[in-house]
Amino acid sequence: MNARNQRPEPPHSSATYRSGAYTSLLPWQVRERRFPPTGLGRRGLNPDDVYAFLDRVAGDMAAVYAALAESRRETARIKAGLRRWQTDQARARNERDQAR
């Protein structure tokens, strides 16, 4: 299975609440989405169908942005921890060198 068809992992702490049956949209689903024309001799698309789809896309985008923000916070936390560890190691090395 290639990356195009893989479903993204749901974020662990999401601000949106959905049923367990909800599945996020995949990029190919957005690209291939077609809306039926409106009936009764009107031209264009059914606005309710379009707005429902846009709401779903917006919800999925919000979840992606929330996951990205969480990932960035985790990266910053790990970098800060690594810097502290490196500082502690350098300090310990200097103390060992001075004790000799």
Protein backbone atom coordinates (compact mmCIF):
# COMPACT_ATOMS: atom_id res chain seq x y z
CA MET A 1 0.00 0.00 0.00
CA ASN A 2 1.50 3.36 -0.96
CA ALA A 3 1.40 6.53 1.16
CA ARG A 4 -1.39 7.97 -0.98
CA ASN A 5 -3.82 5.32 0.25
CA GLN A 6 -2.76 5.13 3.87
CA ARG A 7 -5.10 6.57 6.43
CA PRO A 8 -3.41 8.99 8.84
CA GLU A 9 -3.25 8.07 12.52
CA PRO A 10 -5.85 9.98 14.53
CA PRO A 11 -4.42 12.52 16.97
CA HIS A 12 -4.35 11.34 20.59
CA SER A 13 -5.78 14.48 22.12
CA SER A 14 -8.08 16.05 19.62
CA ALA A 15 -10.22 19.10 20.21
CA THR A 16 -12.94 17.62 18.00
CA TYR A 17 -15.20 14.83 19.17
CA ARG A 18 -16.26 12.26 16.60
CA SER A 19 -17.72 8.80 16.67
CA GLY A 20 -15.40 5.83 16.35
CA ALA A 21 -16.91 5.13 12.93
CA TYR A 22 -15.70 8.45 11.51
CA THR A 23 -12.79 8.15 9.10
CA SER A 24 -10.67 11.12 8.06
CA LEU A 25 -10.56 12.19 4.47
CA LEU A 26 -7.61 11.19 2.35
CA PRO A 27 -6.15 13.58 -0.24
CA TRP A 28 -7.35 11.46 -3.16
CA GLN A 29 -10.90 11.59 -1.77
CA VAL A 30 -10.83 15.38 -1.80
CA ARG A 31 -9.38 15.52 -5.32
CA GLU A 32 -11.90 13.06 -6.73
CA ARG A 33 -15.00 14.37 -4.95
CA ARG A 34 -17.80 15.30 -7.34
CA PHE A 35 -21.11 16.88 -6.42
CA PRO A 36 -24.39 16.12 -8.15
CA PRO A 37 -26.03 19.02 -9.98
CA THR A 38 -29.01 20.67 -8.35
CA GLY A 39 -32.44 19.63 -9.47
CA LEU A 40 -35.52 21.46 -10.61
CA GLY A 41 -33.87 23.15 -13.58
CA ARG A 42 -31.41 25.09 -11.43
CA ARG A 43 -27.79 25.38 -12.49
CA GLY A 44 -24.82 24.64 -10.28
CA LEU A 45 -24.27 22.39 -7.30
CA ASN A 46 -26.41 21.72 -4.29
CA PRO A 47 -25.08 24.19 -1.71
CA ASP A 48 -25.91 21.84 1.20
CA ASP A 49 -23.71 19.09 -0.30
CA VAL A 50 -20.84 21.52 -0.88
CA TYR A 51 -21.05 23.07 2.59
CA ALA A 52 -21.24 19.66 4.29
CA PHE A 53 -18.12 18.55 2.41
CA LEU A 54 -16.29 21.80 3.22
CA ASP A 55 -17.18 21.36 6.90
CA ARG A 56 -15.72 17.86 6.83
CA VAL A 57 -12.52 19.06 5.11
CA ALA A 58 -12.21 21.91 7.62
CA GLY A 59 -12.60 19.46 10.52
CA ASP A 60 -9.91 17.19 9.14
CA MET A 61 -7.61 20.17 8.56
CA ALA A 62 -8.17 21.33 12.15
CA ALA A 63 -7.18 17.86 13.40
CA VAL A 64 -4.04 17.90 11.24
CA TYR A 65 -3.04 21.36 12.49
CA ALA A 66 -3.65 20.29 16.10
CA ALA A 67 -1.46 17.20 15.59
CA LEU A 68 1.22 19.36 13.96
CA ALA A 69 1.18 21.81 16.88
CA GLU A 70 1.46 18.92 19.34
CA SER A 71 4.37 17.50 17.35
CA ARG A 72 6.13 20.86 17.41
CA ARG A 73 5.64 21.14 21.19
CA GLU A 74 7.05 17.64 21.64
CA THR A 75 10.03 18.48 19.42
CA ALA A 76 10.75 21.61 21.45
CA ARG A 77 10.51 19.60 24.69
CA ILE A 78 12.93 16.97 23.39
CA LYS A 79 15.38 19.60 22.14
CA ALA A 80 15.32 21.37 25.50
CA GLY A 81 15.95 18.06 27.28
CA LEU A 82 18.84 17.27 24.97
CA ARG A 83 20.38 20.71 25.58
CA ARG A 84 20.10 20.20 29.37
CA TRP A 85 21.70 16.76 29.07
CA GLN A 86 24.54 18.12 26.93
CA THR A 87 25.14 20.94 29.41
CA ASP A 88 25.20 18.46 32.31
CA GLN A 89 27.64 16.22 30.45
CA ALA A 90 29.96 19.12 29.61
CA ARG A 91 29.83 20.34 33.21
CA ALA A 92 30.65 16.86 34.54
CA ARG A 93 33.51 16.51 32.04
CA ASN A 94 34.95 19.89 33.14
CA GLU A 95 34.70 18.90 36.80
CA ARG A 96 36.51 15.61 36.08
CA ASP A 97 39.23 17.45 34.17
CA GLN A 98 39.70 19.98 36.98
CA ALA A 99 39.92 17.20 39.60
CA ARG A 100 42.92 15.64 37.82
